[in-house]
C-alpha cells in the first residue's frame, strides 16, 4: 500500500496550515512531530478526508488499499 500527496494545501483564511505538501509513504510506521499549530492534526484530517477543504491543487492517492482482512 502506498499513500501519495501532490501539492496538498490547506488554508484557514490567510493562514496556511499545510503548504504544497508532496510525500509518498509506503508500508510502515510513521510519526508526525511539530510544535503546536504546525498543522499535524490538519494533515491527518486532510488524509482522512474529514474537512471540506479549499485546495490550490491536490492529489491524494491510495494504491492497493485494503481495509478488511
C-alpha atoms as a PDB file:
ATOM      1  CA  UNK A   1       0.000   0.000   0.000  1.00  0.00           C
ATOM      2  CA  UNK A   2       1.222   3.499  -0.751  1.00  0.00           C
ATOM      3  CA  UNK A   3      -0.084   6.945   0.152  1.00  0.00           C
ATOM      4  CA  UNK A   4       0.980   9.817  -2.061  1.00  0.00           C
ATOM      5  CA  UNK A   5       0.128  13.514  -1.882  1.00  0.00           C
ATOM      6  CA  UNK A   6       0.968  16.048  -4.569  1.00  0.00           C
ATOM      7  CA  UNK A   7       0.538  19.754  -3.927  1.00  0.00           C
ATOM      8  CA  UNK A   8      -1.632  19.283  -0.820  1.00  0.00           C
ATOM      9  CA  UNK A   9      -2.523  22.689   0.646  1.00  0.00           C
ATOM     10  CA  UNK A  10      -4.950  23.879   3.310  1.00  0.00           C
ATOM     11  CA  UNK A  11      -5.619  27.473   4.353  1.00  0.00           C
ATOM     12  CA  UNK A  12      -7.695  28.940   7.157  1.00  0.00           C
ATOM     13  CA  UNK A  13      -8.348  32.467   5.916  1.00  0.00           C
ATOM     14  CA  UNK A  14      -4.897  33.932   5.237  1.00  0.00           C
ATOM     15  CA  UNK A  15      -3.100  31.386   7.472  1.00  0.00           C
ATOM     16  CA  UNK A  16      -1.562  28.450   5.619  1.00  0.00           C
ATOM     17  CA  UNK A  17      -1.717  25.270   7.724  1.00  0.00           C
ATOM     18  CA  UNK A  18      -0.353  22.822   5.106  1.00  0.00           C
ATOM     19  CA  UNK A  19       1.559  24.247   2.140  1.00  0.00           C
ATOM     20  CA  UNK A  20       2.221  22.363  -1.105  1.00  0.00           C
ATOM     21  CA  UNK A  21       2.951  19.019   0.579  1.00  0.00           C
ATOM     22  CA  UNK A  22       4.413  16.307  -1.633  1.00  0.00           C
ATOM     23  CA  UNK A  23       5.010  12.987   0.145  1.00  0.00           C
ATOM     24  CA  UNK A  24       4.985   9.293  -0.632  1.00  0.00           C
ATOM     25  CA  UNK A  25       4.517   6.892   2.272  1.00  0.00           C
ATOM     26  CA  UNK A  26       4.958   3.141   1.843  1.00  0.00           C
ATOM     27  CA  UNK A  27       4.071   0.421   4.344  1.00  0.00           C
ATOM     28  CA  UNK A  28       5.485   1.084   7.783  1.00  0.00           C
ATOM     29  CA  UNK A  29       5.056   3.168  10.899  1.00  0.00           C
ATOM     30  CA  UNK A  30       5.351   6.941  10.708  1.00  0.00           C
ATOM     31  CA  UNK A  31       5.121   9.742  13.251  1.00  0.00           C
ATOM     32  CA  UNK A  32       4.330  13.428  12.947  1.00  0.00           C
ATOM     33  CA  UNK A  33       6.361  15.767  15.102  1.00  0.00           C
ATOM     34  CA  UNK A  34       5.927  19.509  15.303  1.00  0.00           C
ATOM     35  CA  UNK A  35       5.114  22.447  17.525  1.00  0.00           C
ATOM     36  CA  UNK A  36       1.574  23.422  18.484  1.00  0.00           C
ATOM     37  CA  UNK A  37      -0.134  24.886  15.434  1.00  0.00           C
ATOM     38  CA  UNK A  38       2.277  23.250  12.971  1.00  0.00           C
ATOM     39  CA  UNK A  39      -0.545  21.518  11.062  1.00  0.00           C
ATOM     40  CA  UNK A  40      -0.255  17.910  12.281  1.00  0.00           C
ATOM     41  CA  UNK A  41      -3.959  17.430  13.006  1.00  0.00           C
ATOM     42  CA  UNK A  42      -4.918  19.326   9.856  1.00  0.00           C
ATOM     43  CA  UNK A  43      -2.740  16.998   7.776  1.00  0.00           C
ATOM     44  CA  UNK A  44      -4.301  13.903   9.340  1.00  0.00           C
ATOM     45  CA  UNK A  45      -7.794  15.288   8.728  1.00  0.00           C
ATOM     46  CA  UNK A  46      -6.912  16.004   5.089  1.00  0.00           C
ATOM     47  CA  UNK A  47      -5.547  12.489   4.579  1.00  0.00           C
ATOM     48  CA  UNK A  48      -8.718  11.035   6.105  1.00  0.00           C
ATOM     49  CA  UNK A  49     -10.865  13.417   4.027  1.00  0.00           C
ATOM     50  CA  UNK A  50     -12.606  14.798   7.131  1.00  0.00           C
ATOM     51  CA  UNK A  51     -12.971  18.519   6.294  1.00  0.00           C
ATOM     52  CA  UNK A  52     -14.321  20.104   3.164  1.00  0.00           C
ATOM     53  CA  UNK A  53     -11.172  21.888   2.156  1.00  0.00           C
ATOM     54  CA  UNK A  54     -10.070  24.545  -0.260  1.00  0.00           C
ATOM     55  CA  UNK A  55      -7.050  23.438  -2.220  1.00  0.00           C
ATOM     56  CA  UNK A  56      -4.854  25.216  -4.717  1.00  0.00           C
ATOM     57  CA  UNK A  57      -4.228  21.821  -6.221  1.00  0.00           C
ATOM     58  CA  UNK A  58      -4.235  18.429  -4.608  1.00  0.00           C
ATOM     59  CA  UNK A  59      -3.914  14.768  -5.206  1.00  0.00           C
ATOM     60  CA  UNK A  60      -4.144  12.084  -2.573  1.00  0.00           C
ATOM     61  CA  UNK A  61      -3.720   8.610  -3.985  1.00  0.00           C
ATOM     62  CA  UNK A  62      -4.270   5.383  -2.111  1.00  0.00           C
ATOM     63  CA  UNK A  63      -2.796   2.482  -4.040  1.00  0.00           C
ATOM     64  CA  UNK A  64      -3.518  -1.163  -3.199  1.00  0.00           C
ATOM     65  CA  UNK A  65      -5.521  -0.125  -0.160  1.00  0.00           C
ATOM     66  CA  UNK A  66      -7.283  -2.897   1.689  1.00  0.00           C
ATOM     67  CA  UNK A  67      -9.145  -2.086   4.922  1.00  0.00           C
ATOM     68  CA  UNK A  68     -10.689  -5.507   5.582  1.00  0.00           C
ATOM     69  CA  UNK A  69      -8.616  -8.593   6.378  1.00  0.00           C
END
